[in-house]
Amino acid sequence: MSEKVKPLEFTSANFEELVLNSDKPVLVDFWAQWCGPCLAMGPDVDALAEEVGDGAVVGKLDVDNNRDIAMKYGIMSIPTVIVFKNGEIHEKKVGRVNKAKLASMLG
């Protein structure tokens, strides 16, 4: 039985390496511990990470701990989900998104 795949934790220190330089699509969930809709969406992000396995990269970025990245990408409301492809923003959604929509954004 394989290990459960968990979303990565993106930070200011690893964002360029794990997101911008990835050769796979990357879904970044911009969230915060105090955000109710973010916490409600968490299980969908976790499930998606497990479903896509190594076909894509799924992770979360805590906006309180990584304000520079949040500011760089104009995150004004959370949750915000951005899919990056080849280091560029491919799609961006503000607000809670269900797992089916998250998966279609990666597609």
Protein backbone atom coordinates (compact mmCIF):
# COMPACT_ATOMS: atom_id res chain seq x y z
CA MET A 1 0.00 0.00 0.00
CA SER A 2 1.43 3.35 -0.97
CA GLU A 3 1.81 6.24 1.43
CA LYS A 4 -0.88 8.87 1.46
CA VAL A 5 0.16 11.89 -0.59
CA LYS A 6 -0.25 15.12 1.34
CA PRO A 7 -0.31 18.64 -0.08
CA LEU A 8 3.07 20.33 0.04
CA GLU A 9 3.65 23.35 2.22
CA PHE A 10 4.81 26.19 0.00
CA THR A 11 6.83 28.98 1.60
CA SER A 12 8.74 32.04 0.50
CA ALA A 13 11.88 29.91 0.68
CA ASN A 14 10.71 27.08 -1.60
CA PHE A 15 8.11 28.78 -3.84
CA GLU A 16 10.42 29.37 -6.81
CA GLU A 17 11.81 25.84 -6.72
CA LEU A 18 8.56 23.93 -6.12
CA VAL A 19 6.08 26.12 -8.02
CA LEU A 20 7.74 28.32 -10.61
CA ASN A 21 10.37 25.80 -11.70
CA SER A 22 8.08 22.76 -11.72
CA ASP A 23 7.70 20.82 -14.96
CA LYS A 24 4.21 19.74 -13.81
CA PRO A 25 1.06 21.80 -13.24
CA VAL A 26 1.04 23.24 -9.71
CA LEU A 27 -2.09 24.09 -7.69
CA VAL A 28 -1.45 26.56 -4.87
CA ASP A 29 -4.11 27.04 -2.19
CA PHE A 30 -3.53 30.44 -0.55
CA TRP A 31 -5.04 30.12 2.93
CA ALA A 32 -4.78 31.07 6.63
CA GLN A 33 -5.46 29.21 9.86
CA TRP A 34 -8.18 31.70 10.90
CA CYS A 35 -10.11 31.47 7.61
CA GLY A 36 -13.25 29.32 7.94
CA PRO A 37 -13.81 28.76 4.20
CA CYS A 38 -10.10 27.89 3.85
CA LEU A 39 -10.38 25.24 6.56
CA ALA A 40 -13.58 23.91 4.99
CA MET A 41 -11.83 23.56 1.62
CA GLY A 42 -8.78 21.84 3.16
CA PRO A 43 -10.10 18.26 2.92
CA ASP A 44 -10.81 18.74 -0.81
CA VAL A 45 -7.26 19.99 -1.38
CA ASP A 46 -5.92 17.02 0.61
CA ALA A 47 -8.04 14.56 -1.40
CA LEU A 48 -6.94 16.13 -4.69
CA ALA A 49 -3.26 15.83 -3.72
CA GLU A 50 -3.81 12.12 -3.12
CA GLU A 51 -5.76 11.63 -6.37
CA VAL A 52 -3.28 13.34 -8.69
CA GLY A 53 -0.27 11.65 -7.10
CA ASP A 54 2.84 12.56 -9.06
CA GLY A 55 0.89 13.79 -12.08
CA ALA A 56 0.76 17.32 -10.67
CA VAL A 57 1.87 19.26 -7.61
CA VAL A 58 -0.70 20.33 -5.01
CA GLY A 59 0.11 22.47 -2.01
CA LYS A 60 -0.86 25.22 0.36
CA LEU A 61 0.69 28.57 1.17
CA ASP A 62 -0.13 30.23 4.51
CA VAL A 63 -0.58 33.91 3.63
CA ASP A 64 0.19 35.06 7.18
CA ASN A 65 3.60 33.39 7.17
CA ASN A 66 4.46 34.21 3.53
CA ARG A 67 3.10 37.71 2.98
CA ASP A 68 5.65 38.51 0.27
CA ILE A 69 4.35 35.75 -2.02
CA ALA A 70 0.72 36.63 -1.27
CA MET A 71 1.41 40.29 -2.15
CA LYS A 72 3.33 39.36 -5.31
CA TYR A 73 0.28 37.49 -6.64
CA GLY A 74 -2.27 40.06 -5.50
CA ILE A 75 -4.02 37.84 -2.96
CA MET A 76 -6.67 40.11 -1.45
CA SER A 77 -9.20 37.47 -0.34
CA ILE A 78 -8.77 33.90 0.78
CA PRO A 79 -9.13 31.18 -0.07
CA THR A 80 -7.62 31.86 -3.47
CA VAL A 81 -6.43 29.01 -5.68
CA ILE A 82 -3.92 29.58 -8.48
CA VAL A 83 -2.77 26.94 -10.96
CA PHE A 84 0.68 27.56 -12.40
CA LYS A 85 1.93 25.94 -15.59
CA ASN A 86 5.53 26.48 -16.68
CA GLY A 87 5.95 29.14 -14.00
CA GLU A 88 3.03 31.22 -15.27
CA ILE A 89 -0.46 31.73 -13.86
CA HIS A 90 -2.80 29.45 -15.81
CA GLU A 91 -6.00 29.91 -13.80
CA LYS A 92 -7.05 31.75 -10.64
CA LYS A 93 -10.21 31.37 -8.53
CA VAL A 94 -11.14 33.39 -5.46
CA GLY A 95 -13.39 31.80 -2.85
CA ARG A 96 -14.14 28.26 -1.81
CA VAL A 97 -13.90 25.76 -4.67
CA ASN A 98 -15.00 22.12 -4.56
CA LYS A 99 -12.72 19.20 -5.42
CA ALA A 100 -14.22 18.69 -8.89
CA LYS A 101 -13.46 22.32 -9.80
CA LEU A 102 -9.95 22.06 -8.34
CA ALA A 103 -9.33 18.96 -10.46
CA SER A 104 -10.65 20.66 -13.62
CA MET A 105 -8.35 23.64 -12.98
CA LEU A 106 -5.37 21.29 -13.02
CA GLY A 107 -6.60 19.56 -16.19
